[in-house]
Amino acid sequence: MVKRVVTGAHYGLRDWLAQRVTAVVMVVFVIFLAAMLLISPPHDDASWKTMFSSRWMRIASFLFLVSLFWHAWVGMRNILMDYVHATGIRLTLQILIILSLVIYTVWSVEILWAMEMQWR
């Protein structure tokens, strides 16, 4: 009998599903945003602010950005696991990527919800 040794973290199905779900969320948002821009294109700064002033638009934008960051994380993690074989270097790069994506997420919240505070 041959004993089969399986190595790796077994992220396969979860990664595949995460990539598909986040891609669908991003495509839906882009199509929706493109439709809004075709129907009523903003011509100045005030028009852009008005478009993003509603709470649902900020939530949709944040959902898009979180999906983008998660999609990027899964892709980058898989690339690093496949091509960076030195554990210390791979771990360092993964930590730097995680920190960057967390900072981008916090920054996104700050940008999207700071607009609400400025308009009140």
Protein backbone atom coordinates (compact mmCIF):
# COMPACT_ATOMS: atom_id res chain seq x y z
CA MET A 1 0.00 0.00 0.00
CA VAL A 2 1.26 3.46 -0.88
CA LYS A 3 0.96 6.05 1.82
CA ARG A 4 0.18 9.45 0.36
CA VAL A 5 1.65 12.49 2.07
CA VAL A 6 -0.32 15.68 1.62
CA THR A 7 1.41 18.92 2.46
CA GLY A 8 0.25 22.50 2.53
CA ALA A 9 -2.34 24.45 4.38
CA HIS A 10 -5.38 23.04 2.50
CA TYR A 11 -6.82 26.44 1.64
CA GLY A 12 -8.01 25.28 -1.80
CA LEU A 13 -11.80 25.39 -1.69
CA ARG A 14 -11.96 28.28 0.76
CA ASP A 15 -9.54 30.35 -1.37
CA TRP A 16 -11.39 29.48 -4.57
CA LEU A 17 -14.71 30.48 -3.03
CA ALA A 18 -13.30 33.68 -1.49
CA GLN A 19 -11.82 34.73 -4.84
CA ARG A 20 -15.14 34.13 -6.63
CA VAL A 21 -17.33 35.82 -4.03
CA THR A 22 -15.11 38.90 -3.76
CA ALA A 23 -14.86 39.11 -7.54
CA VAL A 24 -18.65 39.02 -7.86
CA VAL A 25 -19.02 41.76 -5.23
CA MET A 26 -16.48 43.93 -7.07
CA VAL A 27 -18.09 43.36 -10.49
CA VAL A 28 -21.57 44.20 -9.17
CA PHE A 29 -20.26 47.42 -7.61
CA VAL A 30 -18.38 48.44 -10.77
CA ILE A 31 -21.42 47.79 -12.97
CA PHE A 32 -23.63 49.73 -10.56
CA LEU A 33 -21.16 52.63 -10.39
CA ALA A 34 -20.76 52.66 -14.20
CA ALA A 35 -24.55 52.80 -14.60
CA MET A 36 -24.75 55.69 -12.14
CA LEU A 37 -22.00 57.55 -13.98
CA LEU A 38 -23.69 56.99 -17.35
CA ILE A 39 -27.11 58.09 -16.10
CA SER A 40 -25.94 61.13 -14.17
CA PRO A 41 -22.25 61.91 -14.62
CA PRO A 42 -20.82 64.20 -11.95
CA HIS A 43 -19.36 67.39 -13.39
CA ASP A 44 -17.71 68.94 -10.36
CA ASP A 45 -16.53 68.22 -6.84
CA ALA A 46 -19.94 68.92 -5.35
CA SER A 47 -21.55 66.34 -7.65
CA TRP A 48 -19.04 63.68 -6.56
CA LYS A 49 -19.68 64.55 -2.91
CA THR A 50 -23.42 64.31 -3.46
CA MET A 51 -23.06 60.91 -5.11
CA PHE A 52 -21.08 59.53 -2.17
CA SER A 53 -23.08 61.35 0.52
CA SER A 54 -25.68 58.64 0.98
CA ARG A 55 -25.00 56.00 3.58
CA TRP A 56 -25.74 53.09 1.22
CA MET A 57 -23.15 54.36 -1.29
CA ARG A 58 -20.50 54.59 1.42
CA ILE A 59 -21.38 51.09 2.63
CA ALA A 60 -21.30 49.74 -0.93
CA SER A 61 -17.94 51.44 -1.52
CA PHE A 62 -16.56 50.03 1.72
CA LEU A 63 -17.83 46.55 0.81
CA PHE A 64 -16.10 46.90 -2.56
CA LEU A 65 -12.84 47.95 -0.90
CA VAL A 66 -12.95 45.17 1.69
CA SER A 67 -13.62 42.68 -1.11
CA LEU A 68 -10.71 44.12 -3.06
CA PHE A 69 -8.37 43.84 -0.08
CA TRP A 70 -9.49 40.30 0.74
CA HIS A 71 -9.14 39.29 -2.92
CA ALA A 72 -5.64 40.78 -2.93
CA TRP A 73 -4.70 38.98 0.30
CA VAL A 74 -5.77 35.56 -0.97
CA GLY A 75 -3.91 36.08 -4.23
CA MET A 76 -0.75 37.41 -2.62
CA ARG A 77 -0.71 34.70 0.05
CA ASN A 78 -1.04 32.00 -2.61
CA ILE A 79 1.71 33.57 -4.71
CA LEU A 80 4.02 33.78 -1.71
CA MET A 81 3.29 30.19 -0.67
CA ASP A 82 4.01 28.97 -4.21
CA TYR A 83 7.13 30.99 -5.02
CA VAL A 84 8.84 32.11 -1.80
CA HIS A 85 10.24 28.98 -0.21
CA ALA A 86 12.29 30.55 2.60
CA THR A 87 9.91 30.55 5.57
CA GLY A 88 11.31 33.67 7.24
CA ILE A 89 11.13 35.77 4.10
CA ARG A 90 7.65 34.49 3.26
CA LEU A 91 6.39 35.22 6.80
CA THR A 92 7.91 38.70 6.74
CA LEU A 93 6.29 39.48 3.38
CA GLN A 94 2.94 38.12 4.56
CA ILE A 95 3.05 40.26 7.69
CA LEU A 96 3.92 43.35 5.64
CA ILE A 97 1.03 42.64 3.27
CA ILE A 98 -1.40 42.09 6.15
CA LEU A 99 -0.30 45.33 7.82
CA SER A 100 -0.66 47.22 4.54
CA LEU A 101 -4.15 45.85 3.91
CA VAL A 102 -5.28 46.63 7.46
CA ILE A 103 -3.96 50.18 7.12
CA TYR A 104 -5.76 50.52 3.77
CA THR A 105 -8.98 49.30 5.37
CA VAL A 106 -8.75 51.78 8.24
CA TRP A 107 -7.86 54.53 5.78
CA SER A 108 -10.90 53.62 3.66
CA VAL A 109 -13.19 53.94 6.67
CA GLU A 110 -11.61 57.26 7.53
CA ILE A 111 -12.09 58.60 4.01
CA LEU A 112 -15.64 57.32 3.53
CA TRP A 113 -16.97 58.33 6.93
CA ALA A 114 -14.97 61.54 7.29
CA MET A 115 -17.02 62.83 4.38
CA GLU A 116 -20.16 62.37 6.46
CA MET A 117 -18.74 64.44 9.28
CA GLN A 118 -17.74 67.26 6.90
CA TRP A 119 -21.24 67.51 5.44
CA ARG A 120 -23.06 67.86 8.73
